[in-house]
Amino acid sequence: MLRRWRDVPKAVLAGLLITAPLLLWDVREFLNSAVFFHFAQPTRPDALSYMAALMRYNIHLPGWVPFVLTLAAWLYVLRRSPRTTSEICIATSLLLLVFFMFNKSAFCNYYYLVLCTLGGAIATLEPASVGDHTS
């Protein structure tokens, strides 16, 4: 478990190195397009999500709901502590699925990403675990 947390600073640094040039180019515009735009956007009635489906029945969920549910799923995933590449792909699929299912805009291409991460899980299964059916 401790070994996994040693890699977090490396991942944060990689994310900063990728994002920093865009952020430094124009901080205000970056925040407007990457953050504030998405919170200001209304719920799409044609979205493939529970938030849009509930809106048809005049039930409006607050915008923080998908973040809280994704955080709960993330805590579950951390508790399960994925150790193989396949398990990490499955955990990523779960987090993306929860976030998209309860968000205010989700369409087919969003769910394709979930399917792709599940495909990554299948592709990286350990050969011994493919036929292992312990009952």
N, C-alpha and C. Protein backbone atom coordinates (compact mmCIF):
# COMPACT_ATOMS: atom_id res chain seq x y z
N MET A 1 0.82 -1.20 0.00
CA MET A 1 0.00 0.00 0.00
C MET A 1 0.87 1.26 0.00
N LEU A 2 1.93 1.23 0.81
CA LEU A 2 2.78 2.41 0.90
C LEU A 2 3.51 2.66 -0.42
N ARG A 3 3.88 1.60 -1.09
CA ARG A 3 4.59 1.73 -2.37
C ARG A 3 3.74 2.46 -3.39
N ARG A 4 2.43 2.21 -3.36
CA ARG A 4 1.52 2.85 -4.29
C ARG A 4 1.48 4.36 -4.09
N TRP A 5 1.53 4.79 -2.85
CA TRP A 5 1.46 6.23 -2.56
C TRP A 5 2.75 6.96 -2.95
N ARG A 6 3.85 6.25 -3.09
CA ARG A 6 5.10 6.89 -3.53
C ARG A 6 5.01 7.36 -4.97
N ASP A 7 4.14 6.74 -5.76
CA ASP A 7 4.01 7.11 -7.17
C ASP A 7 3.10 8.31 -7.39
N VAL A 8 2.34 8.71 -6.37
CA VAL A 8 1.40 9.83 -6.51
C VAL A 8 2.13 11.13 -6.89
N PRO A 9 3.22 11.52 -6.22
CA PRO A 9 3.90 12.75 -6.63
C PRO A 9 4.38 12.72 -8.08
N LYS A 10 4.81 11.55 -8.56
CA LYS A 10 5.23 11.44 -9.96
C LYS A 10 4.06 11.69 -10.90
N ALA A 11 2.91 11.14 -10.57
CA ALA A 11 1.71 11.32 -11.41
C ALA A 11 1.26 12.78 -11.39
N VAL A 12 1.30 13.40 -10.23
CA VAL A 12 0.91 14.82 -10.12
C VAL A 12 1.88 15.68 -10.92
N LEU A 13 3.15 15.39 -10.82
CA LEU A 13 4.15 16.15 -11.58
C LEU A 13 3.94 15.99 -13.08
N ALA A 14 3.65 14.78 -13.53
CA ALA A 14 3.39 14.56 -14.96
C ALA A 14 2.16 15.35 -15.41
N GLY A 15 1.11 15.34 -14.61
CA GLY A 15 -0.09 16.11 -14.93
C GLY A 15 0.19 17.60 -14.98
N LEU A 16 0.99 18.10 -14.05
CA LEU A 16 1.35 19.52 -14.04
C LEU A 16 2.19 19.90 -15.26
N LEU A 17 3.13 19.04 -15.63
CA LEU A 17 3.98 19.34 -16.79
C LEU A 17 3.16 19.39 -18.08
N ILE A 18 2.13 18.56 -18.17
CA ILE A 18 1.29 18.56 -19.36
C ILE A 18 0.35 19.76 -19.37
N THR A 19 -0.19 20.11 -18.21
CA THR A 19 -1.21 21.16 -18.12
C THR A 19 -0.61 22.56 -17.99
N ALA A 20 0.56 22.68 -17.39
CA ALA A 20 1.14 23.98 -17.09
C ALA A 20 1.26 24.92 -18.30
N PRO A 21 1.74 24.46 -19.47
CA PRO A 21 1.84 25.39 -20.59
C PRO A 21 0.48 26.00 -20.98
N LEU A 22 -0.57 25.19 -20.97
CA LEU A 22 -1.89 25.70 -21.31
C LEU A 22 -2.40 26.66 -20.23
N LEU A 23 -2.16 26.32 -18.99
CA LEU A 23 -2.59 27.17 -17.89
C LEU A 23 -1.85 28.50 -17.89
N LEU A 24 -0.55 28.46 -18.09
CA LEU A 24 0.25 29.68 -18.05
C LEU A 24 0.02 30.58 -19.26
N TRP A 25 -0.42 30.02 -20.35
CA TRP A 25 -0.68 30.79 -21.55
C TRP A 25 -1.74 31.85 -21.27
N ASP A 26 -2.84 31.44 -20.62
CA ASP A 26 -3.90 32.37 -20.24
C ASP A 26 -4.71 31.73 -19.11
N VAL A 27 -4.36 32.07 -17.87
CA VAL A 27 -4.95 31.44 -16.70
C VAL A 27 -6.47 31.62 -16.68
N ARG A 28 -6.91 32.82 -16.93
CA ARG A 28 -8.35 33.11 -16.87
C ARG A 28 -9.13 32.31 -17.91
N GLU A 29 -8.65 32.27 -19.13
CA GLU A 29 -9.34 31.52 -20.18
C GLU A 29 -9.27 30.02 -19.93
N PHE A 30 -8.15 29.56 -19.40
CA PHE A 30 -8.03 28.14 -19.08
C PHE A 30 -9.09 27.74 -18.06
N LEU A 31 -9.21 28.52 -16.99
CA LEU A 31 -10.20 28.21 -15.97
C LEU A 31 -11.62 28.34 -16.51
N ASN A 32 -11.86 29.33 -17.38
CA ASN A 32 -13.19 29.47 -17.98
C ASN A 32 -13.56 28.27 -18.83
N SER A 33 -12.63 27.79 -19.64
CA SER A 33 -12.95 26.70 -20.56
C SER A 33 -12.86 25.32 -19.92
N ALA A 34 -11.99 25.15 -18.95
CA ALA A 34 -11.78 23.82 -18.36
C ALA A 34 -12.61 23.57 -17.11
N VAL A 35 -13.05 24.64 -16.44
CA VAL A 35 -13.75 24.45 -15.17
C VAL A 35 -15.12 25.12 -15.18
N PHE A 36 -15.14 26.43 -15.26
CA PHE A 36 -16.38 27.19 -15.05
C PHE A 36 -17.42 26.93 -16.13
N PHE A 37 -17.00 26.70 -17.35
CA PHE A 37 -17.93 26.42 -18.45
C PHE A 37 -18.80 25.21 -18.15
N HIS A 38 -18.18 24.18 -17.58
CA HIS A 38 -18.90 22.93 -17.32
C HIS A 38 -19.90 23.07 -16.18
N PHE A 39 -19.60 23.92 -15.21
CA PHE A 39 -20.55 24.13 -14.12
C PHE A 39 -21.70 25.03 -14.56
N ALA A 40 -21.46 25.92 -15.51
CA ALA A 40 -22.50 26.83 -15.98
C ALA A 40 -23.43 26.17 -16.99
N GLN A 41 -23.00 25.09 -17.60
CA GLN A 41 -23.79 24.41 -18.61
C GLN A 41 -25.05 23.80 -17.99
N PRO A 42 -26.20 23.95 -18.65
CA PRO A 42 -27.42 23.33 -18.10
C PRO A 42 -27.43 21.82 -18.37
N THR A 43 -28.32 21.13 -17.69
CA THR A 43 -28.48 19.70 -17.92
C THR A 43 -29.07 19.47 -19.29
N ARG A 44 -28.45 18.60 -20.06
CA ARG A 44 -28.94 18.30 -21.41
C ARG A 44 -30.08 17.29 -21.31
N PRO A 45 -31.26 17.63 -21.79
CA PRO A 45 -32.38 16.68 -21.70
C PRO A 45 -32.19 15.43 -22.55
N ASP A 46 -31.32 15.49 -23.56
CA ASP A 46 -31.08 14.34 -24.42
C ASP A 46 -29.88 13.51 -23.97
N ALA A 47 -29.33 13.82 -22.80
CA ALA A 47 -28.17 13.10 -22.29
C ALA A 47 -28.56 11.69 -21.87
N LEU A 48 -27.59 10.80 -21.93
CA LEU A 48 -27.79 9.41 -21.52
C LEU A 48 -27.32 9.24 -20.08
N SER A 49 -28.04 9.89 -19.16
CA SER A 49 -27.67 9.84 -17.75
C SER A 49 -28.92 9.88 -16.89
N TYR A 50 -28.73 9.50 -15.63
CA TYR A 50 -29.87 9.53 -14.71
C TYR A 50 -30.32 10.95 -14.42
N MET A 51 -29.39 11.89 -14.41
CA MET A 51 -29.76 13.27 -14.15
C MET A 51 -30.72 13.78 -15.22
N ALA A 52 -30.45 13.46 -16.46
CA ALA A 52 -31.34 13.88 -17.56
C ALA A 52 -32.66 13.12 -17.51
N ALA A 53 -32.62 11.84 -17.17
CA ALA A 53 -33.85 11.05 -17.09
C ALA A 53 -34.75 11.56 -15.97
N LEU A 54 -34.16 11.89 -14.84
CA LEU A 54 -34.95 12.41 -13.72
C LEU A 54 -35.51 13.80 -14.03
N MET A 55 -34.78 14.56 -14.83
CA MET A 55 -35.25 15.89 -15.20
C MET A 55 -36.57 15.82 -15.98
N ARG A 56 -36.76 14.75 -16.72
CA ARG A 56 -38.02 14.56 -17.46
C ARG A 56 -39.22 14.44 -16.52
N TYR A 57 -38.96 14.01 -15.28
CA TYR A 57 -40.01 13.89 -14.28
C TYR A 57 -39.99 15.06 -13.29
N ASN A 58 -39.34 16.14 -13.72
CA ASN A 58 -39.24 17.37 -12.95
C ASN A 58 -38.48 17.19 -11.63
N ILE A 59 -37.53 16.26 -11.62
CA ILE A 59 -36.65 16.06 -10.47
C ILE A 59 -35.27 16.55 -10.89
N HIS A 60 -34.80 17.58 -10.23
CA HIS A 60 -33.52 18.20 -10.59
C HIS A 60 -32.49 17.91 -9.51
N LEU A 61 -31.46 17.16 -9.89
CA LEU A 61 -30.37 16.86 -8.97
C LEU A 61 -29.33 17.99 -9.02
N PRO A 62 -28.73 18.30 -7.88
CA PRO A 62 -27.68 19.33 -7.88
C PRO A 62 -26.45 18.87 -8.66
N GLY A 63 -25.66 19.80 -9.14
CA GLY A 63 -24.49 19.50 -9.96
C GLY A 63 -23.38 18.79 -9.23
N TRP A 64 -23.40 18.78 -7.91
CA TRP A 64 -22.33 18.13 -7.15
C TRP A 64 -22.56 16.63 -6.98
N VAL A 65 -23.75 16.13 -7.32
CA VAL A 65 -24.08 14.71 -7.12
C VAL A 65 -23.09 13.78 -7.84
N PRO A 66 -22.78 13.99 -9.13
CA PRO A 66 -21.85 13.06 -9.77
C PRO A 66 -20.46 13.06 -9.12
N PHE A 67 -20.05 14.19 -8.59
CA PHE A 67 -18.73 14.26 -7.95
C PHE A 67 -18.71 13.48 -6.64
N VAL A 68 -19.78 13.60 -5.86
CA VAL A 68 -19.87 12.87 -4.60
C VAL A 68 -19.95 11.36 -4.85
N LEU A 69 -20.76 10.96 -5.82
CA LEU A 69 -20.87 9.53 -6.13
C LEU A 69 -19.56 8.97 -6.68
N THR A 70 -18.87 9.76 -7.50
CA THR A 70 -17.57 9.32 -8.02
C THR A 70 -16.54 9.23 -6.91
N LEU A 71 -16.60 10.16 -5.97
CA LEU A 71 -15.70 10.11 -4.81
C LEU A 71 -15.97 8.84 -4.00
N ALA A 72 -17.25 8.50 -3.80
CA ALA A 72 -17.59 7.26 -3.08
C ALA A 72 -17.05 6.04 -3.83
N ALA A 73 -17.20 6.03 -5.14
CA ALA A 73 -16.67 4.91 -5.94
C ALA A 73 -15.15 4.87 -5.87
N TRP A 74 -14.52 6.03 -5.86
CA TRP A 74 -13.07 6.10 -5.77
C TRP A 74 -12.59 5.55 -4.42
N LEU A 75 -13.30 5.89 -3.34
CA LEU A 75 -12.93 5.37 -2.02
C LEU A 75 -13.09 3.84 -1.99
N TYR A 76 -14.13 3.35 -2.64
CA TYR A 76 -14.31 1.89 -2.75
C TYR A 76 -13.14 1.26 -3.51
N VAL A 77 -12.76 1.89 -4.61
CA VAL A 77 -11.65 1.36 -5.42
C VAL A 77 -10.35 1.40 -4.62
N LEU A 78 -10.12 2.47 -3.89
CA LEU A 78 -8.90 2.54 -3.07
C LEU A 78 -8.89 1.46 -2.00
N ARG A 79 -10.04 1.18 -1.46
CA ARG A 79 -10.15 0.15 -0.43
C ARG A 79 -9.84 -1.22 -1.01
N ARG A 80 -10.26 -1.45 -2.23
CA ARG A 80 -10.00 -2.73 -2.91
C ARG A 80 -8.54 -2.84 -3.33
N SER A 81 -7.85 -1.72 -3.43
CA SER A 81 -6.44 -1.60 -3.79
C SER A 81 -6.05 -2.43 -5.01
N PRO A 82 -6.40 -1.93 -6.22
CA PRO A 82 -6.00 -2.65 -7.43
C PRO A 82 -4.49 -2.71 -7.57
N ARG A 83 -4.01 -3.89 -7.95
CA ARG A 83 -2.56 -4.06 -8.05
C ARG A 83 -2.09 -4.44 -9.45
N THR A 84 -2.98 -4.98 -10.25
CA THR A 84 -2.57 -5.36 -11.60
C THR A 84 -3.11 -4.34 -12.59
N THR A 85 -2.55 -4.36 -13.78
CA THR A 85 -3.01 -3.45 -14.82
C THR A 85 -4.47 -3.69 -15.14
N SER A 86 -4.87 -4.93 -15.17
CA SER A 86 -6.27 -5.27 -15.45
C SER A 86 -7.20 -4.69 -14.39
N GLU A 87 -6.83 -4.80 -13.12
CA GLU A 87 -7.65 -4.26 -12.04
C GLU A 87 -7.71 -2.73 -12.09
N ILE A 88 -6.64 -2.11 -12.49
CA ILE A 88 -6.64 -0.64 -12.62
C ILE A 88 -7.57 -0.22 -13.75
N CYS A 89 -7.56 -0.96 -14.84
CA CYS A 89 -8.49 -0.66 -15.95
C CYS A 89 -9.94 -0.84 -15.51
N ILE A 90 -10.22 -1.87 -14.74
CA ILE A 90 -11.58 -2.09 -14.24
C ILE A 90 -11.97 -0.96 -13.29
N ALA A 91 -11.07 -0.54 -12.43
CA ALA A 91 -11.35 0.56 -11.50
C ALA A 91 -11.62 1.85 -12.27
N THR A 92 -10.84 2.09 -13.30
CA THR A 92 -11.05 3.27 -14.14
C THR A 92 -12.41 3.22 -14.81
N SER A 93 -12.78 2.04 -15.30
CA SER A 93 -14.10 1.87 -15.91
C SER A 93 -15.21 2.20 -14.93
N LEU A 94 -15.09 1.71 -13.72
CA LEU A 94 -16.11 1.97 -12.70
C LEU A 94 -16.23 3.46 -12.41
N LEU A 95 -15.11 4.12 -12.21
CA LEU A 95 -15.14 5.55 -11.90
C LEU A 95 -15.75 6.37 -13.03
N LEU A 96 -15.34 6.07 -14.26
CA LEU A 96 -15.90 6.78 -15.41
C LEU A 96 -17.39 6.50 -15.57
N LEU A 97 -17.79 5.25 -15.38
CA LEU A 97 -19.19 4.89 -15.52
C LEU A 97 -20.06 5.62 -14.50
N VAL A 98 -19.63 5.64 -13.26
CA VAL A 98 -20.40 6.35 -12.22
C VAL A 98 -20.48 7.83 -12.55
N PHE A 99 -19.36 8.42 -12.94
CA PHE A 99 -19.35 9.85 -13.24
C PHE A 99 -20.27 10.19 -14.42
N PHE A 100 -20.20 9.40 -15.47
CA PHE A 100 -21.03 9.67 -16.65
C PHE A 100 -22.50 9.39 -16.40
N MET A 101 -22.80 8.30 -15.69
CA MET A 101 -24.20 7.92 -15.47
C MET A 101 -24.98 8.97 -14.70
N PHE A 102 -24.31 9.71 -13.84
CA PHE A 102 -25.01 10.66 -13.00
C PHE A 102 -24.71 12.11 -13.36
N ASN A 103 -24.04 12.34 -14.48
CA ASN A 103 -23.69 13.70 -14.86
C ASN A 103 -24.79 14.34 -15.71
N LYS A 104 -24.66 15.63 -15.94
CA LYS A 104 -25.71 16.34 -16.68
C LYS A 104 -25.56 16.26 -18.19
N SER A 105 -24.45 15.77 -18.67
CA SER A 105 -24.31 15.53 -20.11
C SER A 105 -23.43 14.30 -20.30
N ALA A 106 -24.02 13.27 -20.88
CA ALA A 106 -23.29 12.04 -21.18
C ALA A 106 -23.90 11.45 -22.44
N PHE A 107 -23.07 11.10 -23.37
CA PHE A 107 -23.55 10.59 -24.65
C PHE A 107 -22.79 9.33 -25.00
N CYS A 108 -23.11 8.73 -26.13
CA CYS A 108 -22.53 7.43 -26.50
C CYS A 108 -21.00 7.46 -26.46
N ASN A 109 -20.41 8.52 -26.96
CA ASN A 109 -18.95 8.54 -27.01
C ASN A 109 -18.33 8.54 -25.61
N TYR A 110 -19.04 9.04 -24.61
CA TYR A 110 -18.54 8.97 -23.23
C TYR A 110 -18.46 7.51 -22.80
N TYR A 111 -19.51 6.75 -23.10
CA TYR A 111 -19.56 5.35 -22.70
C TYR A 111 -18.61 4.48 -23.52
N TYR A 112 -18.24 4.93 -24.70
CA TYR A 112 -17.22 4.21 -25.48
C TYR A 112 -15.90 4.18 -24.71
N LEU A 113 -15.60 5.25 -24.00
CA LEU A 113 -14.38 5.29 -23.19
C LEU A 113 -14.44 4.22 -22.10
N VAL A 114 -15.62 4.06 -21.49
CA VAL A 114 -15.78 3.00 -20.48
C VAL A 114 -15.54 1.64 -21.12
N LEU A 115 -16.12 1.42 -22.30
CA LEU A 115 -15.92 0.14 -22.99
C LEU A 115 -14.45 -0.08 -23.35
N CYS A 116 -13.77 0.99 -23.74
CA CYS A 116 -12.34 0.86 -24.08
C CYS A 116 -11.50 0.49 -22.87
N THR A 117 -11.81 1.07 -21.71
CA THR A 117 -11.05 0.71 -20.51
C THR A 117 -11.37 -0.72 -20.08
N LEU A 118 -12.61 -1.18 -20.31
CA LEU A 118 -12.92 -2.59 -20.05
C LEU A 118 -12.18 -3.49 -21.03
N GLY A 119 -12.05 -3.04 -22.28
CA GLY A 119 -11.25 -3.79 -23.25
C GLY A 119 -9.80 -3.86 -22.82
N GLY A 120 -9.29 -2.78 -22.26
CA GLY A 120 -7.93 -2.79 -21.72
C GLY A 120 -7.79 -3.78 -20.58
N ALA A 121 -8.84 -3.91 -19.76
CA ALA A 121 -8.82 -4.88 -18.67
C ALA A 121 -8.77 -6.30 -19.22
N ILE A 122 -9.54 -6.56 -20.25
CA ILE A 122 -9.55 -7.89 -20.85
C ILE A 122 -8.20 -8.19 -21.50
N ALA A 123 -7.65 -7.20 -22.17
CA ALA A 123 -6.38 -7.40 -22.87
C ALA A 123 -5.22 -7.63 -21.93
N THR A 124 -5.32 -7.14 -20.71
CA THR A 124 -4.20 -7.26 -19.77
C THR A 124 -4.44 -8.29 -18.68
N LEU A 125 -5.45 -9.15 -18.86
CA LEU A 125 -5.68 -10.22 -17.89
C LEU A 125 -4.47 -11.13 -17.82
N GLU A 126 -4.18 -11.59 -16.63
CA GLU A 126 -3.09 -12.55 -16.45
C GLU A 126 -3.52 -13.88 -17.08
N PRO A 127 -2.66 -14.53 -17.84
CA PRO A 127 -3.04 -15.79 -18.49
C PRO A 127 -3.56 -16.85 -17.52
N ALA A 128 -3.04 -16.91 -16.31
CA ALA A 128 -3.47 -17.92 -15.35
C ALA A 128 -4.90 -17.65 -14.88
N SER A 129 -5.33 -16.38 -14.86
CA SER A 129 -6.64 -16.07 -14.31
C SER A 129 -7.75 -16.17 -15.36
N VAL A 130 -7.42 -16.37 -16.62
CA VAL A 130 -8.44 -16.44 -17.67
C VAL A 130 -9.33 -17.66 -17.50
N GLY A 131 -8.75 -18.83 -17.25
CA GLY A 131 -9.53 -20.05 -17.13
C GLY A 131 -9.72 -20.49 -15.69
N ASP A 132 -9.33 -19.68 -14.74
CA ASP A 132 -9.39 -20.03 -13.33
C ASP A 132 -10.80 -19.80 -12.79
N HIS A 133 -11.54 -20.89 -12.58
CA HIS A 133 -12.89 -20.81 -12.04
C HIS A 133 -12.95 -21.61 -10.75
N THR A 134 -12.57 -20.99 -9.67
CA THR A 134 -12.61 -21.69 -8.40
C THR A 134 -14.01 -21.57 -7.81
N SER A 135 -14.56 -22.69 -7.40
CA SER A 135 -15.91 -22.69 -6.85
C SER A 135 -15.90 -23.09 -5.41
